Amino acid sequence: MKIIASALALLTVLSVSTLAQSSSAPEPVLQINRFGWAGKLSYSVCDDCYQMPQVAMDYRYRHRAGRGDFVALVVLKNLSSKSIKSISFDFVFRDSATESEFLTYSFRFEKVIGRGKTKQLQHTIAKGKEPDNFRPARPNYELLDHTRFCGDGPLALDRTTRQVVRIRDNAKLLKVIPCYYLPNVTQIEYADGSTWQP
């Protein structure tokens, strides 16, 4: 599914680029090659699990380092003629059936991205930290945990028909992908002090 969303993001940027060449539209400034949101998991719960009673294993799993953390990731290419100094994003989460927004996470990367360069940006949100970066602010853990099941866009591959379809139009996909998210660039600050906003 990530391949489909990445292809759609690339197609959108290419469409904007084509429009810029054929009309007076502004030149494209950014290409999002890949994006992701995930609950951070610790795969190494214990080294000596076979010697531990089940109760101790359950306790270690529930209290492992990183439990409740989330990771936001974007891989992007600077298409502008200027170096990027910082970039701000919103990750917008929507219900697949209604496509209504239920949560937004805002973050800013202070990373230099040269002209024509591609860079992967990744940020870990520790459990209970950055409560004001969310809308609604200070979301409860159940709402955040719900985002673990979100897909990366409103479209998905129907394995039966081998067609890309809107999730909300497919009952089977709605059961598996109850929500989705998309990144939204809110501001780019360039090294020369200028800014870009959509």
Protein backbone atom coordinates (compact mmCIF):
# COMPACT_ATOMS: atom_id res chain seq x y z
CA MET A 1 0.00 0.00 0.00
CA LYS A 2 2.93 2.32 0.69
CA ILE A 3 3.97 1.84 -2.95
CA ILE A 4 0.55 3.02 -4.14
CA ALA A 5 0.60 6.11 -1.91
CA SER A 6 4.15 6.95 -2.94
CA ALA A 7 3.22 6.57 -6.60
CA LEU A 8 0.24 8.87 -6.11
CA ALA A 9 2.39 11.48 -4.36
CA LEU A 10 4.93 11.32 -7.19
CA LEU A 11 2.19 11.51 -9.84
CA THR A 12 0.78 14.62 -8.13
CA VAL A 13 4.16 16.33 -8.15
CA LEU A 14 4.77 15.37 -11.77
CA SER A 15 1.34 16.73 -12.71
CA VAL A 16 2.16 20.01 -10.98
CA SER A 17 5.50 20.08 -12.82
CA THR A 18 3.77 19.55 -16.18
CA LEU A 19 1.28 22.32 -15.41
CA ALA A 20 4.12 24.64 -14.47
CA GLN A 21 5.76 24.05 -17.83
CA SER A 22 2.57 24.59 -19.82
CA SER A 23 1.11 27.56 -17.93
CA SER A 24 2.09 30.40 -15.66
CA ALA A 25 1.72 28.22 -12.54
CA PRO A 26 4.61 28.38 -10.05
CA GLU A 27 7.40 25.83 -10.30
CA PRO A 28 7.13 22.76 -8.03
CA VAL A 29 9.13 23.08 -4.83
CA LEU A 30 9.06 19.62 -3.28
CA GLN A 31 8.52 15.97 -4.14
CA ILE A 32 7.43 13.53 -1.43
CA ASN A 33 8.84 10.14 -2.41
CA ARG A 34 7.71 8.19 0.65
CA PHE A 35 6.06 8.77 4.01
CA GLY A 36 5.08 6.71 7.01
CA TRP A 37 3.64 6.69 10.51
CA ALA A 38 4.05 3.79 12.88
CA GLY A 39 3.92 2.79 16.49
CA LYS A 40 7.47 2.12 17.59
CA LEU A 41 7.94 -1.51 18.58
CA SER A 42 10.74 -3.16 20.46
CA TYR A 43 11.38 -6.53 18.85
CA SER A 44 13.85 -7.66 21.50
CA VAL A 45 11.60 -8.11 24.52
CA CYS A 46 14.04 -10.39 26.32
CA ASP A 47 17.08 -12.52 25.67
CA ASP A 48 16.15 -15.27 28.12
CA CYS A 49 12.40 -15.61 27.49
CA TYR A 50 12.48 -19.41 27.46
CA GLN A 51 13.60 -19.36 31.13
CA MET A 52 10.99 -16.85 32.30
CA PRO A 53 7.46 -17.52 33.58
CA GLN A 54 4.65 -16.10 31.38
CA VAL A 55 3.73 -13.41 33.94
CA ALA A 56 7.27 -12.00 33.85
CA MET A 57 7.30 -12.07 30.03
CA ASP A 58 3.98 -10.18 29.89
CA TYR A 59 5.28 -7.59 32.35
CA ARG A 60 8.44 -7.05 30.30
CA TYR A 61 6.39 -6.67 27.09
CA ARG A 62 4.01 -4.13 28.63
CA HIS A 63 6.90 -2.13 30.13
CA ARG A 64 9.44 -2.40 27.32
CA ALA A 65 11.44 0.64 26.23
CA GLY A 66 9.68 2.61 23.50
CA ARG A 67 6.18 1.23 24.16
CA GLY A 68 3.73 3.98 23.25
CA ASP A 69 6.20 5.87 21.06
CA PHE A 70 5.40 6.75 17.45
CA VAL A 71 7.59 7.52 14.46
CA ALA A 72 6.85 9.95 11.61
CA LEU A 73 8.94 9.59 8.44
CA VAL A 74 9.14 11.43 5.12
CA VAL A 75 11.54 11.03 2.22
CA LEU A 76 11.52 14.11 0.04
CA LYS A 77 13.36 15.82 -2.77
CA ASN A 78 13.98 19.56 -2.97
CA LEU A 79 12.83 20.62 -6.46
CA SER A 80 13.31 24.34 -5.89
CA SER A 81 16.33 26.39 -6.93
CA LYS A 82 17.12 27.23 -3.26
CA SER A 83 18.42 25.20 -0.30
CA ILE A 84 15.81 24.32 2.32
CA LYS A 85 16.65 25.29 5.90
CA SER A 86 13.56 23.86 7.63
CA ILE A 87 10.27 22.27 6.69
CA SER A 88 6.99 21.96 8.61
CA PHE A 89 4.48 19.15 8.14
CA ASP A 90 1.07 18.07 9.35
CA PHE A 91 0.25 14.37 9.36
CA VAL A 92 -3.55 14.39 8.95
CA PHE A 93 -5.47 11.29 10.05
CA ARG A 94 -8.92 10.59 8.60
CA ASP A 95 -11.62 7.99 9.10
CA SER A 96 -11.72 5.77 5.99
CA ALA A 97 -15.53 5.51 5.86
CA THR A 98 -16.35 9.21 6.28
CA GLU A 99 -12.98 10.71 5.30
CA SER A 100 -13.42 13.14 8.22
CA GLU A 101 -10.32 14.29 10.08
CA PHE A 102 -9.95 12.94 13.61
CA LEU A 103 -6.33 13.79 14.50
CA THR A 104 -3.46 15.93 13.21
CA TYR A 105 0.17 15.85 14.28
CA SER A 106 2.32 18.91 13.44
CA PHE A 107 6.11 18.82 13.39
CA ARG A 108 9.08 20.72 12.02
CA PHE A 109 12.41 19.46 10.72
CA GLU A 110 15.43 21.75 10.99
CA LYS A 111 17.43 20.07 8.22
CA VAL A 112 19.32 21.55 5.30
CA ILE A 113 18.27 20.00 2.00
CA GLY A 114 20.28 21.27 -0.94
CA ARG A 115 18.91 22.00 -4.40
CA GLY A 116 17.94 18.76 -6.12
CA LYS A 117 18.87 16.67 -3.06
CA THR A 118 16.77 13.90 -1.54
CA LYS A 119 16.69 13.38 2.22
CA GLN A 120 14.94 11.05 4.66
CA LEU A 121 13.57 12.83 7.72
CA GLN A 122 12.45 10.81 10.72
CA HIS A 123 11.10 11.91 14.09
CA THR A 124 10.19 9.85 17.16
CA ILE A 125 7.33 11.07 19.33
CA ALA A 126 7.92 9.71 22.84
CA LYS A 127 4.83 8.61 24.76
CA GLY A 128 3.32 11.56 26.60
CA LYS A 129 5.62 14.10 24.97
CA GLU A 130 4.71 16.88 22.53
CA PRO A 131 1.02 16.95 23.59
CA ASP A 132 0.49 20.38 22.05
CA ASN A 133 1.73 19.23 18.62
CA PHE A 134 -1.55 17.33 18.23
CA ARG A 135 -5.00 18.62 17.29
CA PRO A 136 -6.97 17.92 19.38
CA ALA A 137 -4.24 18.68 21.96
CA ARG A 138 -3.26 16.00 24.44
CA PRO A 139 -5.05 13.09 22.75
CA ASN A 140 -5.69 10.05 24.92
CA TYR A 141 -3.65 6.91 24.35
CA GLU A 142 -6.59 5.01 22.80
CA LEU A 143 -6.89 7.60 20.03
CA LEU A 144 -3.14 7.52 19.37
CA ASP A 145 -3.13 3.72 19.44
CA HIS A 146 -5.90 3.74 16.80
CA THR A 147 -3.46 5.41 14.36
CA ARG A 148 -1.37 2.19 14.32
CA PHE A 149 -4.03 0.69 12.05
CA CYS A 150 -4.19 3.58 9.60
CA GLY A 151 -3.16 3.14 5.98
CA ASP A 152 -1.08 5.62 4.03
CA GLY A 153 -3.76 7.23 1.90
CA PRO A 154 -7.40 6.88 0.86
CA LEU A 155 -6.60 4.35 -1.91
CA ALA A 156 -5.66 0.69 -1.64
CA LEU A 157 -5.24 -2.35 -3.84
CA ASP A 158 -8.26 -4.67 -3.94
CA ARG A 159 -6.56 -8.07 -4.17
CA THR A 160 -9.61 -9.71 -5.70
CA THR A 161 -10.04 -7.33 -8.64
CA ARG A 162 -6.36 -6.17 -8.74
CA GLN A 163 -7.67 -2.59 -9.01
CA VAL A 164 -6.75 0.46 -6.96
CA VAL A 165 -9.94 1.63 -5.22
CA ARG A 166 -11.04 4.12 -2.57
CA ILE A 167 -11.06 2.35 0.78
CA ARG A 168 -14.49 3.76 1.70
CA ASP A 169 -16.02 2.12 -1.41
CA ASN A 170 -14.86 -1.40 -0.47
CA ALA A 171 -16.40 -3.14 2.57
CA LYS A 172 -13.51 -5.61 2.95
CA LEU A 173 -10.88 -2.87 2.90
CA LEU A 174 -12.86 -0.78 5.41
CA LYS A 175 -12.58 -3.61 7.95
CA VAL A 176 -8.80 -3.85 7.51
CA ILE A 177 -7.99 -0.14 7.04
CA PRO A 178 -10.33 1.86 9.32
CA CYS A 179 -8.37 5.07 8.88
CA TYR A 180 -5.63 6.64 6.77
CA TYR A 181 -3.13 9.50 6.93
CA LEU A 182 -1.41 11.85 4.52
CA PRO A 183 1.41 14.35 5.01
CA ASN A 184 0.70 18.00 4.33
CA VAL A 185 3.56 20.49 3.92
CA THR A 186 2.60 23.65 5.80
CA GLN A 187 5.75 25.76 5.39
CA ILE A 188 9.24 25.66 3.90
CA GLU A 189 11.94 28.06 5.07
CA TYR A 190 14.86 28.54 2.70
CA ALA A 191 18.49 29.27 3.54
CA ASP A 192 18.14 32.77 2.04
CA GLY A 193 15.43 33.64 4.60
CA SER A 194 12.46 33.39 2.23
CA THR A 195 9.51 31.10 2.95
CA TRP A 196 6.98 29.07 0.96
CA GLN A 197 3.47 28.17 2.09
CA PRO A 198 0.75 26.42 0.13
